[in-house]
Amino acid sequence: MTSKTPKLTRNAKTGGLTQAGAEKISAVEGLVLSPRMRKLLAETKDQPPEERRQAIRAEFTRKSA
């Protein structure tokens, strides 16, 4: 009896989505990063994901008066 479950031949860790790849996908959908967001992402490139998210939130949340 043969199993109908497909055999996965590639490692799941290979081929992650890069920023360049994400930008290409977004461009097809008509979405582009603003210069402000592009600068912020470049500045936080080497930071851990949580710190990048905090920087983005801090940049774009409204300041209360």
Protein backbone atom coordinates (compact mmCIF):
# COMPACT_ATOMS: atom_id res chain seq x y z
CA MET A 1 0.00 0.00 0.00
CA THR A 2 1.46 3.36 -1.03
CA SER A 3 1.18 6.45 1.14
CA LYS A 4 -0.64 9.38 -0.45
CA THR A 5 1.25 11.86 1.70
CA PRO A 6 3.70 13.81 -0.48
CA LYS A 7 7.35 13.56 0.46
CA LEU A 8 8.91 16.93 1.11
CA THR A 9 12.35 17.13 -0.41
CA ARG A 10 13.34 20.66 0.58
CA ASN A 11 14.32 22.00 3.95
CA ALA A 12 11.65 24.30 5.37
CA LYS A 13 14.34 26.75 6.50
CA THR A 14 15.54 27.56 2.98
CA GLY A 15 14.11 30.26 0.79
CA GLY A 16 12.73 32.69 3.37
CA LEU A 17 10.98 35.83 2.23
CA THR A 18 13.46 38.69 2.05
CA GLN A 19 12.66 42.39 2.10
CA ALA A 20 13.53 42.58 -1.60
CA GLY A 21 11.18 39.70 -2.38
CA ALA A 22 8.40 41.25 -0.32
CA GLU A 23 8.85 44.56 -2.16
CA LYS A 24 8.55 42.81 -5.54
CA ILE A 25 5.33 41.09 -4.47
CA SER A 26 3.93 44.36 -3.13
CA ALA A 27 4.89 46.20 -6.33
CA VAL A 28 2.81 43.75 -8.37
CA GLU A 29 -0.11 44.65 -6.13
CA GLY A 30 0.60 48.38 -6.59
CA LEU A 31 2.02 48.94 -3.10
CA VAL A 32 5.31 50.77 -2.46
CA LEU A 33 7.11 51.86 0.69
CA SER A 34 7.11 55.55 1.48
CA PRO A 35 10.53 57.21 1.73
CA ARG A 36 9.90 57.66 5.46
CA MET A 37 9.22 53.94 5.98
CA ARG A 38 12.12 52.88 3.73
CA LYS A 39 14.48 55.05 5.84
CA LEU A 40 13.14 53.62 9.12
CA LEU A 41 13.56 50.03 7.90
CA ALA A 42 17.12 50.77 6.75
CA GLU A 43 17.99 52.29 10.13
CA THR A 44 16.62 49.30 12.07
CA LYS A 45 17.88 46.58 9.71
CA ASP A 46 20.21 44.91 12.22
CA GLN A 47 17.85 45.07 15.20
CA PRO A 48 15.81 42.13 16.49
CA PRO A 49 12.22 41.95 15.16
CA GLU A 50 10.59 43.17 18.39
CA GLU A 51 12.82 46.25 18.53
CA ARG A 52 12.02 47.02 14.88
CA ARG A 53 8.29 46.77 15.61
CA GLN A 54 8.68 49.11 18.60
CA ALA A 55 10.56 51.65 16.46
CA ILE A 56 7.83 51.52 13.80
CA ARG A 57 5.10 51.95 16.41
CA ALA A 58 6.95 54.88 17.98
CA GLU A 59 7.37 56.55 14.59
CA PHE A 60 3.78 56.20 13.43
CA THR A 61 1.63 56.43 16.55
CA ARG A 62 -0.03 59.74 17.15
CA LYS A 63 1.45 61.83 19.88
CA SER A 64 -1.14 62.82 22.48
CA ALA A 65 -1.26 66.53 23.27
